[in-house]
PDB file of N, CA and C in Angstrom:
ATOM      1  N   MET A   1       0.847  -1.179   0.000  1.00  0.00           N
ATOM      2  CA  MET A   1       0.000   0.000   0.000  1.00  0.00           C
ATOM      3  C   MET A   1       0.891   1.240   0.000  1.00  0.00           C
ATOM      4  N   ALA A   2       0.601   2.185  -0.862  1.00  0.00           N
ATOM      5  CA  ALA A   2       1.402   3.399  -0.981  1.00  0.00           C
ATOM      6  C   ALA A   2       1.131   4.336   0.183  1.00  0.00           C
ATOM      7  N   LYS A   3       2.165   4.977   0.646  1.00  0.00           N
ATOM      8  CA  LYS A   3       2.057   5.950   1.733  1.00  0.00           C
ATOM      9  C   LYS A   3       1.508   7.261   1.173  1.00  0.00           C
ATOM     10  N   ALA A   4       0.591   7.891   1.902  1.00  0.00           N
ATOM     11  CA  ALA A   4       0.020   9.162   1.468  1.00  0.00           C
ATOM     12  C   ALA A   4       1.109  10.232   1.464  1.00  0.00           C
ATOM     13  N   LYS A   5       1.143  10.994   0.405  1.00  0.00           N
ATOM     14  CA  LYS A   5       2.145  12.047   0.260  1.00  0.00           C
ATOM     15  C   LYS A   5       1.703  13.290   1.033  1.00  0.00           C
ATOM     16  N   GLU A   6       2.628  13.856   1.802  1.00  0.00           N
ATOM     17  CA  GLU A   6       2.328  15.102   2.505  1.00  0.00           C
ATOM     18  C   GLU A   6       2.334  16.247   1.503  1.00  0.00           C
ATOM     19  N   THR A   7       1.483  17.236   1.737  1.00  0.00           N
ATOM     20  CA  THR A   7       1.417  18.388   0.848  1.00  0.00           C
ATOM     21  C   THR A   7       1.924  19.632   1.556  1.00  0.00           C
ATOM     22  N   ASP A   8       2.376  20.572   0.766  1.00  0.00           N
ATOM     23  CA  ASP A   8       2.841  21.847   1.290  1.00  0.00           C
ATOM     24  C   ASP A   8       1.777  22.924   1.149  1.00  0.00           C
ATOM     25  N   TYR A   9       0.561  22.525   0.914  1.00  0.00           N
ATOM     26  CA  TYR A   9      -0.508  23.486   0.744  1.00  0.00           C
ATOM     27  C   TYR A   9      -1.780  22.958   1.389  1.00  0.00           C
ATOM     28  N   GLU A  10      -2.727  23.864   1.527  1.00  0.00           N
ATOM     29  CA  GLU A  10      -4.019  23.514   2.115  1.00  0.00           C
ATOM     30  C   GLU A  10      -5.109  24.024   1.187  1.00  0.00           C
ATOM     31  N   ILE A  11      -6.110  23.208   0.945  1.00  0.00           N
ATOM     32  CA  ILE A  11      -7.239  23.619   0.123  1.00  0.00           C
ATOM     33  C   ILE A  11      -8.240  24.318   1.032  1.00  0.00           C
ATOM     34  N   THR A  12      -8.682  25.503   0.620  1.00  0.00           N
ATOM     35  CA  THR A  12      -9.614  26.269   1.426  1.00  0.00           C
ATOM     36  C   THR A  12     -10.737  26.800   0.551  1.00  0.00           C
ATOM     37  N   GLU A  13     -11.846  27.066   1.147  1.00  0.00           N
ATOM     38  CA  GLU A  13     -12.969  27.683   0.449  1.00  0.00           C
ATOM     39  C   GLU A  13     -13.226  29.041   1.070  1.00  0.00           C
ATOM     40  N   GLY A  14     -13.832  29.912   0.313  1.00  0.00           N
ATOM     41  CA  GLY A  14     -14.140  31.232   0.852  1.00  0.00           C
ATOM     42  C   GLY A  14     -13.042  32.230   0.558  1.00  0.00           C
ATOM     43  N   ASN A  15     -12.752  33.072   1.519  1.00  0.00           N
ATOM     44  CA  ASN A  15     -11.817  34.168   1.344  1.00  0.00           C
ATOM     45  C   ASN A  15     -10.384  33.692   1.558  1.00  0.00           C
ATOM     46  N   ILE A  16      -9.627  33.585   0.484  1.00  0.00           N
ATOM     47  CA  ILE A  16      -8.242  33.130   0.559  1.00  0.00           C
ATOM     48  C   ILE A  16      -7.394  34.076   1.396  1.00  0.00           C
ATOM     49  N   PHE A  17      -7.709  35.365   1.358  1.00  0.00           N
ATOM     50  CA  PHE A  17      -6.941  36.334   2.134  1.00  0.00           C
ATOM     51  C   PHE A  17      -7.148  36.132   3.634  1.00  0.00           C
ATOM     52  N   ALA A  18      -8.363  35.766   4.031  1.00  0.00           N
ATOM     53  CA  ALA A  18      -8.627  35.447   5.442  1.00  0.00           C
ATOM     54  C   ALA A  18      -7.908  34.161   5.827  1.00  0.00           C
ATOM     55  N   ALA A  19      -7.923  33.181   4.925  1.00  0.00           N
ATOM     56  CA  ALA A  19      -7.242  31.911   5.203  1.00  0.00           C
ATOM     57  C   ALA A  19      -5.743  32.123   5.383  1.00  0.00           C
ATOM     58  N   LEU A  20      -5.197  33.128   4.710  1.00  0.00           N
ATOM     59  CA  LEU A  20      -3.780  33.447   4.847  1.00  0.00           C
ATOM     60  C   LEU A  20      -3.494  34.307   6.073  1.00  0.00           C
ATOM     61  N   GLY A  21      -4.562  34.729   6.757  1.00  0.00           N
ATOM     62  CA  GLY A  21      -4.408  35.534   7.964  1.00  0.00           C
ATOM     63  C   GLY A  21      -4.051  36.981   7.695  1.00  0.00           C
ATOM     64  N   LEU A  22      -4.372  37.482   6.509  1.00  0.00           N
ATOM     65  CA  LEU A  22      -4.045  38.857   6.164  1.00  0.00           C
ATOM     66  C   LEU A  22      -5.034  39.844   6.772  1.00  0.00           C
ATOM     67  N   ASP A  23      -4.522  41.003   7.172  1.00  0.00           N
ATOM     68  CA  ASP A  23      -5.392  42.077   7.651  1.00  0.00           C
ATOM     69  C   ASP A  23      -6.266  42.552   6.494  1.00  0.00           C
ATOM     70  N   ASN A  24      -7.435  43.042   6.817  1.00  0.00           N
ATOM     71  CA  ASN A  24      -8.358  43.583   5.804  1.00  0.00           C
ATOM     72  C   ASN A  24      -8.687  42.577   4.708  1.00  0.00           C
ATOM     73  N   ALA A  25      -8.898  41.341   5.084  1.00  0.00           N
ATOM     74  CA  ALA A  25      -9.172  40.277   4.115  1.00  0.00           C
ATOM     75  C   ALA A  25     -10.406  40.567   3.274  1.00  0.00           C
ATOM     76  N   ASP A  26     -11.459  41.123   3.874  1.00  0.00           N
ATOM     77  CA  ASP A  26     -12.669  41.452   3.111  1.00  0.00           C
ATOM     78  C   ASP A  26     -12.374  42.476   2.023  1.00  0.00           C
ATOM     79  N   GLU A  27     -11.604  43.507   2.387  1.00  0.00           N
ATOM     80  CA  GLU A  27     -11.273  44.544   1.429  1.00  0.00           C
ATOM     81  C   GLU A  27     -10.405  43.994   0.291  1.00  0.00           C
ATOM     82  N   LEU A  28      -9.464  43.130   0.635  1.00  0.00           N
ATOM     83  CA  LEU A  28      -8.608  42.530  -0.390  1.00  0.00           C
ATOM     84  C   LEU A  28      -9.413  41.657  -1.348  1.00  0.00           C
ATOM     85  N   LEU A  29     -10.340  40.881  -0.811  1.00  0.00           N
ATOM     86  CA  LEU A  29     -11.173  40.036  -1.666  1.00  0.00           C
ATOM     87  C   LEU A  29     -12.066  40.890  -2.565  1.00  0.00           C
ATOM     88  N   ALA A  30     -12.639  41.960  -2.016  1.00  0.00           N
ATOM     89  CA  ALA A  30     -13.481  42.841  -2.823  1.00  0.00           C
ATOM     90  C   ALA A  30     -12.666  43.463  -3.946  1.00  0.00           C
ATOM     91  N   ARG A  31     -11.454  43.919  -3.633  1.00  0.00           N
ATOM     92  CA  ARG A  31     -10.595  44.521  -4.655  1.00  0.00           C
ATOM     93  C   ARG A  31     -10.196  43.489  -5.711  1.00  0.00           C
ATOM     94  N   ALA A  32      -9.929  42.265  -5.280  1.00  0.00           N
ATOM     95  CA  ALA A  32      -9.600  41.197  -6.237  1.00  0.00           C
ATOM     96  C   ALA A  32     -10.780  40.925  -7.164  1.00  0.00           C
ATOM     97  N   ASN A  33     -11.982  40.944  -6.634  1.00  0.00           N
ATOM     98  CA  ASN A  33     -13.171  40.737  -7.470  1.00  0.00           C
ATOM     99  C   ASN A  33     -13.357  41.877  -8.461  1.00  0.00           C
ATOM    100  N   LEU A  34     -13.093  43.114  -8.016  1.00  0.00           N
ATOM    101  CA  LEU A  34     -13.175  44.259  -8.928  1.00  0.00           C
ATOM    102  C   LEU A  34     -12.141  44.130 -10.042  1.00  0.00           C
ATOM    103  N   LEU A  35     -10.928  43.762  -9.670  1.00  0.00           N
ATOM    104  CA  LEU A  35      -9.864  43.577 -10.667  1.00  0.00           C
ATOM    105  C   LEU A  35     -10.239  42.490 -11.670  1.00  0.00           C
ATOM    106  N   ASP A  36     -10.842  41.419 -11.180  1.00  0.00           N
ATOM    107  CA  ASP A  36     -11.272  40.344 -12.068  1.00  0.00           C
ATOM    108  C   ASP A  36     -12.308  40.849 -13.073  1.00  0.00           C
ATOM    109  N   GLN A  37     -13.229  41.672 -12.601  1.00  0.00           N
ATOM    110  CA  GLN A  37     -14.249  42.240 -13.497  1.00  0.00           C
ATOM    111  C   GLN A  37     -13.606  43.114 -14.567  1.00  0.00           C
ATOM    112  N   VAL A  38     -12.673  43.973 -14.154  1.00  0.00           N
ATOM    113  CA  VAL A  38     -11.987  44.849 -15.108  1.00  0.00           C
ATOM    114  C   VAL A  38     -11.228  44.012 -16.134  1.00  0.00           C
ATOM    115  N   SER A  39     -10.479  43.042 -15.654  1.00  0.00           N
ATOM    116  CA  SER A  39      -9.686  42.181 -16.531  1.00  0.00           C
ATOM    117  C   SER A  39     -10.571  41.451 -17.539  1.00  0.00           C
ATOM    118  N   THR A  40     -11.668  40.912 -17.068  1.00  0.00           N
ATOM    119  CA  THR A  40     -12.595  40.180 -17.938  1.00  0.00           C
ATOM    120  C   THR A  40     -13.161  41.085 -19.028  1.00  0.00           C
ATOM    121  N   LEU A  41     -13.548  42.295 -18.651  1.00  0.00           N
ATOM    122  CA  LEU A  41     -14.103  43.232 -19.632  1.00  0.00           C
ATOM    123  C   LEU A  41     -13.065  43.641 -20.670  1.00  0.00           C
ATOM    124  N   ILE A  42     -11.838  43.856 -20.222  1.00  0.00           N
ATOM    125  CA  ILE A  42     -10.773  44.217 -21.163  1.00  0.00           C
ATOM    126  C   ILE A  42     -10.563  43.088 -22.171  1.00  0.00           C
ATOM    127  N   LYS A  43     -10.510  41.868 -21.682  1.00  0.00           N
ATOM    128  CA  LYS A  43     -10.309  40.724 -22.582  1.00  0.00           C
ATOM    129  C   LYS A  43     -11.474  40.571 -23.552  1.00  0.00           C
ATOM    130  N   LYS A  44     -12.700  40.766 -23.067  1.00  0.00           N
ATOM    131  CA  LYS A  44     -13.878  40.635 -23.927  1.00  0.00           C
ATOM    132  C   LYS A  44     -13.952  41.740 -24.977  1.00  0.00           C
ATOM    133  N   SER A  45     -13.326  42.871 -24.716  1.00  0.00           N
ATOM    134  CA  SER A  45     -13.397  43.997 -25.659  1.00  0.00           C
ATOM    135  C   SER A  45     -12.693  43.687 -26.969  1.00  0.00           C
ATOM    136  N   GLU A  46     -11.761  42.736 -26.940  1.00  0.00           N
ATOM    137  CA  GLU A  46     -10.970  42.359 -28.097  1.00  0.00           C
ATOM    138  C   GLU A  46     -10.159  43.515 -28.677  1.00  0.00           C
ATOM    139  N   LEU A  47      -9.934  44.545 -27.861  1.00  0.00           N
ATOM    140  CA  LEU A  47      -9.073  45.652 -28.262  1.00  0.00           C
ATOM    141  C   LEU A  47      -7.641  45.315 -27.868  1.00  0.00           C
ATOM    142  N   SER A  48      -6.688  45.956 -28.520  1.00  0.00           N
ATOM    143  CA  SER A  48      -5.292  45.771 -28.122  1.00  0.00           C
ATOM    144  C   SER A  48      -5.072  46.471 -26.778  1.00  0.00           C
ATOM    145  N   GLN A  49      -4.023  46.065 -26.087  1.00  0.00           N
ATOM    146  CA  GLN A  49      -3.716  46.718 -24.810  1.00  0.00           C
ATOM    147  C   GLN A  49      -3.432  48.204 -25.019  1.00  0.00           C
ATOM    148  N   GLN A  50      -2.844  48.545 -26.131  1.00  0.00           N
ATOM    149  CA  GLN A  50      -2.560  49.954 -26.445  1.00  0.00           C
ATOM    150  C   GLN A  50      -3.870  50.737 -26.610  1.00  0.00           C
ATOM    151  N   GLU A  51      -4.854  50.133 -27.295  1.00  0.00           N
ATOM    152  CA  GLU A  51      -6.154  50.789 -27.479  1.00  0.00           C
ATOM    153  C   GLU A  51      -6.874  50.947 -26.140  1.00  0.00           C
ATOM    154  N   VAL A  52      -6.829  49.903 -25.306  1.00  0.00           N
ATOM    155  CA  VAL A  52      -7.454  49.966 -23.978  1.00  0.00           C
ATOM    156  C   VAL A  52      -6.781  51.047 -23.146  1.00  0.00           C
ATOM    157  N   ALA A  53      -5.461  51.108 -23.201  1.00  0.00           N
ATOM    158  CA  ALA A  53      -4.711  52.106 -22.440  1.00  0.00           C
ATOM    159  C   ALA A  53      -5.165  53.520 -22.800  1.00  0.00           C
ATOM    160  N   LYS A  54      -5.330  53.766 -24.089  1.00  0.00           N
ATOM    161  CA  LYS A  54      -5.760  55.093 -24.538  1.00  0.00           C
ATOM    162  C   LYS A  54      -7.143  55.430 -23.990  1.00  0.00           C
ATOM    163  N   LYS A  55      -8.054  54.461 -24.030  1.00  0.00           N
ATOM    164  CA  LYS A  55      -9.417  54.695 -23.542  1.00  0.00           C
ATOM    165  C   LYS A  55      -9.459  54.892 -22.021  1.00  0.00           C
ATOM    166  N   LEU A  56      -8.594  54.172 -21.288  1.00  0.00           N
ATOM    167  CA  LEU A  56      -8.577  54.296 -19.825  1.00  0.00           C
ATOM    168  C   LEU A  56      -7.696  55.450 -19.347  1.00  0.00           C
ATOM    169  N   GLY A  57      -6.891  56.010 -20.256  1.00  0.00           N
ATOM    170  CA  GLY A  57      -6.005  57.106 -19.893  1.00  0.00           C
ATOM    171  C   GLY A  57      -4.800  56.648 -19.080  1.00  0.00           C
ATOM    172  N   ILE A  58      -4.316  55.445 -19.388  1.00  0.00           N
ATOM    173  CA  ILE A  58      -3.166  54.884 -18.690  1.00  0.00           C
ATOM    174  C   ILE A  58      -2.174  54.341 -19.706  1.00  0.00           C
ATOM    175  N   THR A  59      -1.064  53.819 -19.243  1.00  0.00           N
ATOM    176  CA  THR A  59      -0.059  53.243 -20.146  1.00  0.00           C
ATOM    177  C   THR A  59      -0.384  51.786 -20.450  1.00  0.00           C
ATOM    178  N   GLN A  60       0.200  51.281 -21.543  1.00  0.00           N
ATOM    179  CA  GLN A  60       0.006  49.874 -21.906  1.00  0.00           C
ATOM    180  C   GLN A  60       0.530  48.932 -20.816  1.00  0.00           C
ATOM    181  N   PRO A  61       1.683  49.218 -20.175  1.00  0.00           N
ATOM    182  CA  PRO A  61       2.125  48.323 -19.094  1.00  0.00           C
ATOM    183  C   PRO A  61       1.112  48.231 -17.942  1.00  0.00           C
ATOM    184  N   LYS A  62       0.406  49.327 -17.667  1.00  0.00           N
ATOM    185  CA  LYS A  62      -0.638  49.287 -16.628  1.00  0.00           C
ATOM    186  C   LYS A  62      -1.782  48.371 -17.056  1.00  0.00           C
ATOM    187  N   VAL A  63      -2.143  48.403 -18.330  1.00  0.00           N
ATOM    188  CA  VAL A  63      -3.187  47.503 -18.838  1.00  0.00           C
ATOM    189  C   VAL A  63      -2.728  46.062 -18.672  1.00  0.00           C
ATOM    190  N   SER A  64      -1.481  45.803 -18.977  1.00  0.00           N
ATOM    191  CA  SER A  64      -0.932  44.456 -18.799  1.00  0.00           C
ATOM    192  C   SER A  64      -1.060  44.012 -17.343  1.00  0.00           C
ATOM    193  N   MET A  65      -0.784  44.922 -16.413  1.00  0.00           N
ATOM    194  CA  MET A  65      -0.920  44.601 -14.984  1.00  0.00           C
ATOM    195  C   MET A  65      -2.374  44.304 -14.618  1.00  0.00           C
ATOM    196  N   LEU A  66      -3.304  45.024 -15.227  1.00  0.00           N
ATOM    197  CA  LEU A  66      -4.727  44.756 -14.985  1.00  0.00           C
ATOM    198  C   LEU A  66      -5.093  43.359 -15.468  1.00  0.00           C
ATOM    199  N   VAL A  67      -4.677  43.036 -16.674  1.00  0.00           N
ATOM    200  CA  VAL A  67      -5.037  41.767 -17.299  1.00  0.00           C
ATOM    201  C   VAL A  67      -4.387  40.582 -16.590  1.00  0.00           C
ATOM    202  N   THR A  68      -3.196  40.787 -16.041  1.00  0.00           N
ATOM    203  CA  THR A  68      -2.494  39.692 -15.376  1.00  0.00           C
ATOM    204  C   THR A  68      -2.761  39.634 -13.877  1.00  0.00           C
ATOM    205  N   GLY A  69      -3.629  40.511 -13.376  1.00  0.00           N
ATOM    206  CA  GLY A  69      -4.064  40.411 -11.985  1.00  0.00           C
ATOM    207  C   GLY A  69      -3.106  40.944 -10.941  1.00  0.00           C
ATOM    208  N   ARG A  70      -2.377  41.994 -11.231  1.00  0.00           N
ATOM    209  CA  ARG A  70      -1.440  42.590 -10.279  1.00  0.00           C
ATOM    210  C   ARG A  70      -2.203  43.456  -9.283  1.00  0.00           C
ATOM    211  N   LEU A  71      -2.828  42.811  -8.320  1.00  0.00           N
ATOM    212  CA  LEU A  71      -3.727  43.451  -7.360  1.00  0.00           C
ATOM    213  C   LEU A  71      -3.080  44.605  -6.609  1.00  0.00           C
ATOM    214  N   SER A  72      -1.837  44.452  -6.222  1.00  0.00           N
ATOM    215  CA  SER A  72      -1.172  45.475  -5.407  1.00  0.00           C
ATOM    216  C   SER A  72      -0.976  46.795  -6.143  1.00  0.00           C
ATOM    217  N   GLN A  73      -1.147  46.803  -7.446  1.00  0.00           N
ATOM    218  CA  GLN A  73      -0.903  48.001  -8.244  1.00  0.00           C
ATOM    219  C   GLN A  73      -2.101  48.941  -8.346  1.00  0.00           C
ATOM    220  N   PHE A  74      -3.282  48.490  -7.864  1.00  0.00           N
ATOM    221  CA  PHE A  74      -4.495  49.272  -8.088  1.00  0.00           C
ATOM    222  C   PHE A  74      -5.323  49.417  -6.816  1.00  0.00           C
ATOM    223  N   SER A  75      -5.771  50.634  -6.559  1.00  0.00           N
ATOM    224  CA  SER A  75      -6.646  50.889  -5.413  1.00  0.00           C
ATOM    225  C   SER A  75      -8.087  50.555  -5.800  1.00  0.00           C
ATOM    226  N   THR A  76      -8.911  50.433  -4.804  1.00  0.00           N
ATOM    227  CA  THR A  76     -10.340  50.197  -5.037  1.00  0.00           C
ATOM    228  C   THR A  76     -10.936  51.337  -5.861  1.00  0.00           C
ATOM    229  N   ASP A  77     -10.592  52.576  -5.499  1.00  0.00           N
ATOM    230  CA  ASP A  77     -11.112  53.738  -6.236  1.00  0.00           C
ATOM    231  C   ASP A  77     -10.737  53.682  -7.717  1.00  0.00           C
ATOM    232  N   THR A  78      -9.498  53.328  -7.993  1.00  0.00           N
ATOM    233  CA  THR A  78      -9.032  53.249  -9.382  1.00  0.00           C
ATOM    234  C   THR A  78      -9.793  52.181 -10.148  1.00  0.00           C
ATOM    235  N   LEU A  79      -9.973  51.012  -9.532  1.00  0.00           N
ATOM    236  CA  LEU A  79     -10.702  49.925 -10.198  1.00  0.00           C
ATOM    237  C   LEU A  79     -12.155  50.315 -10.446  1.00  0.00           C
ATOM    238  N   LEU A  80     -12.781  51.009  -9.496  1.00  0.00           N
ATOM    239  CA  LEU A  80     -14.153  51.481  -9.692  1.00  0.00           C
ATOM    240  C   LEU A  80     -14.215  52.476 -10.856  1.00  0.00           C
ATOM    241  N   HIS A  81     -13.223  53.340 -10.947  1.00  0.00           N
ATOM    242  CA  HIS A  81     -13.164  54.299 -12.061  1.00  0.00           C
ATOM    243  C   HIS A  81     -13.048  53.560 -13.394  1.00  0.00           C
ATOM    244  N   TYR A  82     -12.164  52.570 -13.468  1.00  0.00           N
ATOM    245  CA  TYR A  82     -11.998  51.806 -14.705  1.00  0.00           C
ATOM    246  C   TYR A  82     -13.299  51.105 -15.092  1.00  0.00           C
ATOM    247  N   LEU A  83     -13.989  50.538 -14.121  1.00  0.00           N
ATOM    248  CA  LEU A  83     -15.270  49.886 -14.414  1.00  0.00           C
ATOM    249  C   LEU A  83     -16.259  50.881 -15.013  1.00  0.00           C
ATOM    250  N   SER A  84     -16.280  52.094 -14.483  1.00  0.00           N
ATOM    251  CA  SER A  84     -17.159  53.135 -15.010  1.00  0.00           C
ATOM    252  C   SER A  84     -16.794  53.476 -16.449  1.00  0.00           C
ATOM    253  N   VAL A  85     -15.511  53.649 -16.720  1.00  0.00           N
ATOM    254  CA  VAL A  85     -15.053  53.963 -18.083  1.00  0.00           C
ATOM    255  C   VAL A  85     -15.377  52.809 -19.029  1.00  0.00           C
ATOM    256  N   LEU A  86     -15.311  51.589 -18.535  1.00  0.00           N
ATOM    257  CA  LEU A  86     -15.618  50.408 -19.349  1.00  0.00           C
ATOM    258  C   LEU A  86     -17.124  50.229 -19.589  1.00  0.00           C
ATOM    259  N   GLY A  87     -17.934  51.115 -19.023  1.00  0.00           N
ATOM    260  CA  GLY A  87     -19.371  51.094 -19.297  1.00  0.00           C
ATOM    261  C   GLY A  87     -20.219  50.436 -18.225  1.00  0.00           C
ATOM    262  N   CYS A  88     -19.629  50.107 -17.100  1.00  0.00           N
ATOM    263  CA  CYS A  88     -20.391  49.460 -16.023  1.00  0.00           C
ATOM    264  C   CYS A  88     -21.142  50.491 -15.178  1.00  0.00           C
ATOM    265  N   GLU A  89     -22.273  50.089 -14.678  1.00  0.00           N
ATOM    266  CA  GLU A  89     -22.976  50.870 -13.663  1.00  0.00           C
ATOM    267  C   GLU A  89     -22.563  50.291 -12.321  1.00  0.00           C
ATOM    268  N   VAL A  90     -21.865  51.084 -11.536  1.00  0.00           N
ATOM    269  CA  VAL A  90     -21.352  50.632 -10.253  1.00  0.00           C
ATOM    270  C   VAL A  90     -22.221  51.225  -9.153  1.00  0.00           C
ATOM    271  N   GLU A  91     -22.715  50.369  -8.272  1.00  0.00           N
ATOM    272  CA  GLU A  91     -23.538  50.808  -7.150  1.00  0.00           C
ATOM    273  C   GLU A  91     -22.868  50.400  -5.846  1.00  0.00           C
ATOM    274  N   ILE A  92     -22.896  51.288  -4.870  1.00  0.00           N
ATOM    275  CA  ILE A  92     -22.373  50.980  -3.542  1.00  0.00           C
ATOM    276  C   ILE A  92     -23.536  51.114  -2.572  1.00  0.00           C
ATOM    277  N   ARG A  93     -23.759  50.063  -1.792  1.00  0.00           N
ATOM    278  CA  ARG A  93     -24.869  50.051  -0.840  1.00  0.00           C
ATOM    279  C   ARG A  93     -24.301  49.911   0.569  1.00  0.00           C
ATOM    280  N   VAL A  94     -24.758  50.754   1.462  1.00  0.00           N
ATOM    281  CA  VAL A  94     -24.333  50.695   2.857  1.00  0.00           C
ATOM    282  C   VAL A  94     -25.531  50.273   3.698  1.00  0.00           C
ATOM    283  N   LYS A  95     -25.378  49.197   4.441  1.00  0.00           N
ATOM    284  CA  LYS A  95     -26.428  48.713   5.324  1.00  0.00           C
ATOM    285  C   LYS A  95     -25.990  49.014   6.759  1.00  0.00           C
ATOM    286  N   LYS A  96     -26.672  49.953   7.375  1.00  0.00           N
ATOM    287  CA  LYS A  96     -26.291  50.413   8.710  1.00  0.00           C
ATOM    288  C   LYS A  96     -26.753  49.429   9.784  1.00  0.00           C
ATOM    289  N   PRO A  97     -26.122  49.482  10.968  1.00  0.00           N
ATOM    290  CA  PRO A  97     -26.595  48.650  12.081  1.00  0.00           C
ATOM    291  C   PRO A  97     -28.041  49.002  12.408  1.00  0.00           C
ATOM    292  N   ARG A  98     -28.769  48.030  12.888  1.00  0.00           N
ATOM    293  CA  ARG A  98     -30.203  48.246  13.153  1.00  0.00           C
ATOM    294  C   ARG A  98     -30.468  49.254  14.256  1.00  0.00           C
ATOM    295  N   ALA A  99     -29.609  49.299  15.251  1.00  0.00           N
ATOM    296  CA  ALA A  99     -29.826  50.209  16.373  1.00  0.00           C
ATOM    297  C   ALA A  99     -28.513  50.876  16.756  1.00  0.00           C
ATOM    298  N   LYS A 100     -28.620  51.955  17.512  1.00  0.00           N
ATOM    299  CA  LYS A 100     -27.436  52.674  17.957  1.00  0.00           C
ATOM    300  C   LYS A 100     -26.494  51.763  18.738  1.00  0.00           C
ATOM    301  N   THR A 101     -27.048  50.798  19.436  1.00  0.00           N
ATOM    302  CA  THR A 101     -26.216  49.872  20.212  1.00  0.00           C
ATOM    303  C   THR A 101     -25.409  48.943  19.324  1.00  0.00           C
ATOM    304  N   GLY A 102     -25.757  48.855  18.044  1.00  0.00           N
ATOM    305  CA  GLY A 102     -25.033  47.982  17.117  1.00  0.00           C
ATOM    306  C   GLY A 102     -23.754  48.597  16.569  1.00  0.00           C
ATOM    307  N   ILE A 103     -23.599  49.917  16.771  1.00  0.00           N
ATOM    308  CA  ILE A 103     -22.411  50.601  16.264  1.00  0.00           C
ATOM    309  C   ILE A 103     -21.187  50.119  17.048  1.00  0.00           C
ATOM    310  N   PHE A 104     -20.174  49.682  16.358  1.00  0.00           N
ATOM    311  CA  PHE A 104     -18.923  49.151  16.915  1.00  0.00           C
ATOM    312  C   PHE A 104     -19.093  47.819  17.637  1.00  0.00           C
ATOM    313  N   ARG A 105     -20.289  47.244  17.637  1.00  0.00           N
ATOM    314  CA  ARG A 105     -20.499  45.973  18.337  1.00  0.00           C
ATOM    315  C   ARG A 105     -19.834  44.825  17.609  1.00  0.00           C
ATOM    316  N   ARG A 106     -19.936  44.833  16.286  1.00  0.00           N
ATOM    317  CA  ARG A 106     -19.269  43.805  15.500  1.00  0.00           C
ATOM    318  C   ARG A 106     -18.772  44.449  14.216  1.00  0.00           C
ATOM    319  N   LYS A 107     -17.810  43.805  13.622  1.00  0.00           N
ATOM    320  CA  LYS A 107     -17.266  44.302  12.364  1.00  0.00           C
ATOM    321  C   LYS A 107     -18.219  43.958  11.227  1.00  0.00           C
ATOM    322  N   GLY A 108     -18.406  44.893  10.323  1.00  0.00           N
ATOM    323  CA  GLY A 108     -19.219  44.639   9.146  1.00  0.00           C
ATOM    324  C   GLY A 108     -18.407  43.883   8.100  1.00  0.00           C
ATOM    325  N   CYS A 109     -18.870  43.900   6.878  1.00  0.00           N
ATOM    326  CA  CYS A 109     -18.134  43.215   5.814  1.00  0.00           C
ATOM    327  C   CYS A 109     -18.209  44.050   4.540  1.00  0.00           C
ATOM    328  N   ILE A 110     -17.305  43.758   3.653  1.00  0.00           N
ATOM    329  CA  ILE A 110     -17.252  44.400   2.349  1.00  0.00           C
ATOM    330  C   ILE A 110     -17.291  43.288   1.309  1.00  0.00           C
ATOM    331  N   ALA A 111     -18.160  43.432   0.321  1.00  0.00           N
ATOM    332  CA  ALA A 111     -18.288  42.381  -0.695  1.00  0.00           C
ATOM    333  C   ALA A 111     -18.579  43.001  -2.049  1.00  0.00           C
ATOM    334  N   VAL A 112     -18.150  42.332  -3.081  1.00  0.00           N
ATOM    335  CA  VAL A 112     -18.482  42.712  -4.453  1.00  0.00           C
ATOM    336  C   VAL A 112     -19.361  41.604  -4.993  1.00  0.00           C
ATOM    337  N   CYS A 113     -20.543  41.981  -5.447  1.00  0.00           N
ATOM    338  CA  CYS A 113     -21.499  40.989  -5.934  1.00  0.00           C
ATOM    339  C   CYS A 113     -21.586  41.023  -7.443  1.00  0.00           C
TER     340      CYS A 113
END
């Protein structure tokens, strides 16, 4: 009988940033989802990276970073702006605590749907 091989990784579901123990995991996941949306739209446009760069008002290397998922290079605000330029309607909804006693009682969450 073969011995089970040990792995150097763990399979996880949900927020990979939380599984890695990173601060602001919700924000990182939301930003990653925004970047994925931008990247997908750029690829679907079938325009060259140079053409996309001109439309977004950025350089071609920045477009390459968007398409290849370089999350650390883009803020949430920047990604929201790009989505708007790409023709998306972006909505932000804030759901407040039900009562004054709920303020600071627990941490909320940030999600991109």
